[in-house]
């Protein structure tokens, strides 16, 4: 059996997630003594991102689902937090710039990269019956996908 070669979109998503995780770890070290958020919570989030990178590299559909939508949700949440902190004057602009460029941008990039046609192919989300790409799972762990057009399970 030959190994599949990951497309560029998977490389972009993985590198973006690794960048976001490293920036998050750096911010954890920076603000762990001054922030109410515990250091363990920051590290847990970094570990979750690491598991996502592993799942994306292996082609697990559940990792695609979480990687696509969780990263977009996290980017929006961090952006809202940055806006609120900046508006209240409690967030230094340098830290806001680092969080924006090092966390929000890579998270959005990951979500976009996982929405590319090549990513759908990597995760085998193209219906073999009708050829339509789908993001629907047939079971809770997304071991099987279900086509929204023809209803096939694959």
Protein backbone atom coordinates (compact mmCIF):
# COMPACT_ATOMS: atom_id res chain seq x y z
CA UNK A 1 0.00 0.00 0.00
CA UNK A 2 1.39 3.39 -0.95
CA UNK A 3 1.13 6.39 1.32
CA UNK A 4 -1.02 9.24 0.13
CA UNK A 5 0.63 12.60 -0.34
CA UNK A 6 -1.13 15.35 1.57
CA UNK A 7 -2.30 18.30 -0.54
CA UNK A 8 -1.10 21.85 0.00
CA UNK A 9 -4.28 22.81 1.88
CA UNK A 10 -3.55 20.18 4.53
CA UNK A 11 0.01 21.48 4.92
CA UNK A 12 -1.30 25.04 5.25
CA UNK A 13 -3.89 23.99 7.84
CA UNK A 14 -1.33 22.02 9.86
CA UNK A 15 1.30 24.76 9.82
CA UNK A 16 -1.30 27.39 10.73
CA UNK A 17 -2.51 25.32 13.67
CA UNK A 18 1.05 24.73 14.85
CA UNK A 19 1.72 28.47 14.65
CA UNK A 20 -1.43 29.22 16.63
CA UNK A 21 -0.49 26.61 19.24
CA UNK A 22 3.02 28.00 19.63
CA UNK A 23 1.75 31.57 19.98
CA UNK A 24 -0.83 30.37 22.49
CA UNK A 25 1.89 28.62 24.50
CA UNK A 26 4.00 31.79 24.40
CA UNK A 27 1.11 33.93 25.57
CA UNK A 28 0.45 31.39 28.34
CA UNK A 29 3.97 31.88 29.65
CA UNK A 30 3.65 35.64 29.28
CA UNK A 31 0.36 36.16 31.09
CA UNK A 32 0.05 33.12 33.35
CA UNK A 33 1.14 35.05 36.43
CA UNK A 34 -1.04 38.10 35.78
CA UNK A 35 -4.19 36.58 34.32
CA UNK A 36 -7.05 34.75 36.00
CA UNK A 37 -6.89 32.00 33.38
CA UNK A 38 -4.82 29.16 34.74
CA UNK A 39 -1.65 28.00 33.05
CA UNK A 40 -3.06 24.46 32.81
CA UNK A 41 -6.04 25.75 30.80
CA UNK A 42 -3.73 27.38 28.26
CA UNK A 43 -1.64 24.22 27.95
CA UNK A 44 -4.78 22.09 27.59
CA UNK A 45 -5.83 24.25 24.63
CA UNK A 46 -2.39 23.81 23.06
CA UNK A 47 -2.67 20.03 23.50
CA UNK A 48 -6.10 20.06 21.83
CA UNK A 49 -4.61 21.92 18.87
CA UNK A 50 -1.81 19.37 18.72
CA UNK A 51 -4.33 16.52 18.60
CA UNK A 52 -6.16 18.36 15.82
CA UNK A 53 -2.94 18.66 13.81
CA UNK A 54 -2.31 14.93 14.26
CA UNK A 55 -5.86 14.06 13.20
CA UNK A 56 -5.71 16.33 10.17
CA UNK A 57 -2.40 14.81 9.08
CA UNK A 58 -3.87 11.32 9.42
CA UNK A 59 -7.01 12.23 7.46
CA UNK A 60 -9.56 11.69 10.24
CA UNK A 61 -12.91 13.18 9.36
CA UNK A 62 -13.65 14.14 12.96
CA UNK A 63 -10.45 16.20 12.98
CA UNK A 64 -11.63 17.89 9.77
CA UNK A 65 -14.95 18.76 11.41
CA UNK A 66 -13.39 20.14 14.59
CA UNK A 67 -10.55 21.78 12.72
CA UNK A 68 -12.86 23.51 10.30
CA UNK A 69 -15.47 24.85 12.70
CA UNK A 70 -13.72 25.04 16.08
CA UNK A 71 -10.92 27.17 14.66
CA UNK A 72 -13.41 29.61 13.17
CA UNK A 73 -15.31 29.81 16.48
CA UNK A 74 -12.07 30.29 18.44
CA UNK A 75 -10.90 33.02 16.06
CA UNK A 76 -14.18 34.89 16.48
CA UNK A 77 -14.04 34.48 20.26
CA UNK A 78 -10.43 35.68 20.51
CA UNK A 79 -11.21 38.58 18.19
CA UNK A 80 -14.16 39.61 20.36
CA UNK A 81 -12.01 39.35 23.49
CA UNK A 82 -9.29 41.43 21.88
CA UNK A 83 -11.81 44.04 20.84
CA UNK A 84 -13.28 44.20 24.32
CA UNK A 85 -9.88 44.38 26.02
CA UNK A 86 -8.67 47.04 23.62
CA UNK A 87 -11.89 49.04 23.99
CA UNK A 88 -11.63 48.99 27.80
CA UNK A 89 -7.98 50.02 27.57
CA UNK A 90 -6.81 46.93 29.48
CA UNK A 91 -4.92 45.33 26.63
CA UNK A 92 -1.60 46.65 25.37
CA UNK A 93 -1.63 47.14 21.63
CA UNK A 94 1.52 45.02 21.20
CA UNK A 95 -0.10 42.01 22.83
CA UNK A 96 -3.24 42.60 20.78
CA UNK A 97 -1.16 42.67 17.58
CA UNK A 98 0.61 39.44 18.51
CA UNK A 99 -2.69 37.73 19.30
CA UNK A 100 -4.26 39.00 16.09
CA UNK A 101 -1.38 38.04 13.81
CA UNK A 102 -0.29 34.91 15.67
CA UNK A 103 -3.60 33.44 16.78
CA UNK A 104 -6.63 34.85 14.98
CA UNK A 105 -5.11 34.89 11.50
CA UNK A 106 -3.75 31.30 11.67
CA UNK A 107 -7.06 30.01 13.04
CA UNK A 108 -9.01 31.62 10.20
CA UNK A 109 -6.43 30.34 7.72
CA UNK A 110 -6.90 26.80 9.06
CA UNK A 111 -10.65 27.00 8.64
CA UNK A 112 -10.33 28.30 5.10
CA UNK A 113 -7.71 25.69 4.16
CA UNK A 114 -9.93 22.87 5.42
CA UNK A 115 -12.75 24.19 3.25
CA UNK A 116 -10.77 23.73 0.02
CA UNK A 117 -11.71 21.03 -2.48
CA UNK A 118 -8.36 19.29 -1.96
CA UNK A 119 -9.08 19.03 1.78
CA UNK A 120 -12.45 17.41 1.07
CA UNK A 121 -10.60 14.91 -1.13
CA UNK A 122 -7.98 14.25 1.58
CA UNK A 123 -10.69 13.39 4.10
CA UNK A 124 -12.62 11.30 1.54
CA UNK A 125 -15.67 13.54 1.70
CA UNK A 126 -16.64 13.18 -1.95
CA UNK A 127 -19.63 10.93 -2.53
CA UNK A 128 -18.63 7.96 -4.69
CA UNK A 129 -22.18 7.78 -6.09
CA UNK A 130 -22.87 11.32 -7.29
CA UNK A 131 -19.51 13.09 -6.79
CA UNK A 132 -20.83 15.84 -4.51
CA UNK A 133 -18.63 16.87 -1.57
CA UNK A 134 -20.22 16.74 1.85
CA UNK A 135 -19.39 17.71 5.40
CA UNK A 136 -22.11 15.61 7.00
CA UNK A 137 -21.35 12.70 9.23
CA UNK A 138 -23.51 9.62 9.47
CA UNK A 139 -22.44 8.84 13.03
CA UNK A 140 -21.29 10.78 16.07
CA UNK A 141 -17.57 10.19 15.47
CA UNK A 142 -17.81 10.93 11.73
CA UNK A 143 -16.46 7.50 10.78
CA UNK A 144 -18.95 7.48 7.92
CA UNK A 145 -20.07 10.42 5.80
CA UNK A 146 -23.54 10.92 4.37
CA UNK A 147 -24.19 12.60 1.05
CA UNK A 148 -26.68 15.45 1.25
CA UNK A 149 -27.65 15.04 -2.40
CA UNK A 150 -28.21 11.32 -2.91
CA UNK A 151 -28.20 10.08 0.70
CA UNK A 152 -25.42 7.52 0.20
CA UNK A 153 -23.34 6.56 3.25
CA UNK A 154 -19.65 6.06 2.63
